[in-house]
């Protein structure tokens, strides 16, 4: 069983943490190729980790 973390009024289990900073990369994601690659990578990670 995975380790549960406890805080003041909650108990939780973090499976994944995803940070997406786009401030200086806006032009990059105007190209559909990068958007599709990003979606595929996210989907592969989701299937790998069985996240919902």
Protein backbone atom coordinates (compact mmCIF):
# COMPACT_ATOMS: atom_id res chain seq x y z
CA UNK A 1 0.00 0.00 0.00
CA UNK A 2 1.27 3.47 -0.81
CA UNK A 3 2.34 5.78 1.95
CA UNK A 4 -0.30 8.27 3.05
CA UNK A 5 0.75 11.80 3.98
CA UNK A 6 -0.99 13.66 6.77
CA UNK A 7 -1.43 17.38 7.23
CA UNK A 8 -3.58 19.52 9.53
CA UNK A 9 -7.04 18.48 8.32
CA UNK A 10 -6.32 16.11 5.48
CA UNK A 11 -4.78 12.81 4.46
CA UNK A 12 -3.50 12.45 0.92
CA UNK A 13 -1.38 10.45 -1.48
CA UNK A 14 0.36 12.30 -4.31
CA UNK A 15 0.85 10.16 -7.40
CA UNK A 16 1.99 12.86 -9.78
CA UNK A 17 2.77 16.55 -9.79
CA UNK A 18 2.74 18.39 -13.11
CA UNK A 19 3.92 21.98 -13.53
CA UNK A 20 3.35 23.66 -16.86
CA UNK A 21 4.90 27.13 -17.19
CA UNK A 22 4.00 28.67 -20.54
CA UNK A 23 4.62 32.38 -19.96
CA UNK A 24 7.66 32.59 -22.26
CA UNK A 25 6.71 29.67 -24.51
CA UNK A 26 3.39 30.89 -25.87
CA UNK A 27 4.62 31.07 -29.47
CA UNK A 28 5.88 27.50 -29.25
CA UNK A 29 2.37 26.18 -28.56
CA UNK A 30 0.79 28.06 -31.42
CA UNK A 31 2.24 25.31 -33.62
CA UNK A 32 -0.14 22.31 -33.58
CA UNK A 33 2.78 19.85 -33.74
CA UNK A 34 3.90 20.80 -30.22
CA UNK A 35 0.37 20.71 -28.86
CA UNK A 36 -0.17 17.17 -30.14
CA UNK A 37 3.22 16.02 -28.81
CA UNK A 38 2.35 17.48 -25.42
CA UNK A 39 -1.03 15.70 -25.38
CA UNK A 40 0.57 12.38 -26.35
CA UNK A 41 3.21 12.69 -23.62
CA UNK A 42 0.55 13.47 -21.01
CA UNK A 43 -1.58 10.53 -22.12
CA UNK A 44 1.41 8.16 -22.04
CA UNK A 45 2.30 9.32 -18.52
CA UNK A 46 -1.32 8.90 -17.43
CA UNK A 47 -1.48 5.33 -18.76
CA UNK A 48 1.91 4.51 -17.25
CA UNK A 49 0.84 5.70 -13.81
CA UNK A 50 -2.79 4.63 -14.17
CA UNK A 51 -3.94 8.09 -13.10
CA UNK A 52 -7.53 9.14 -13.55
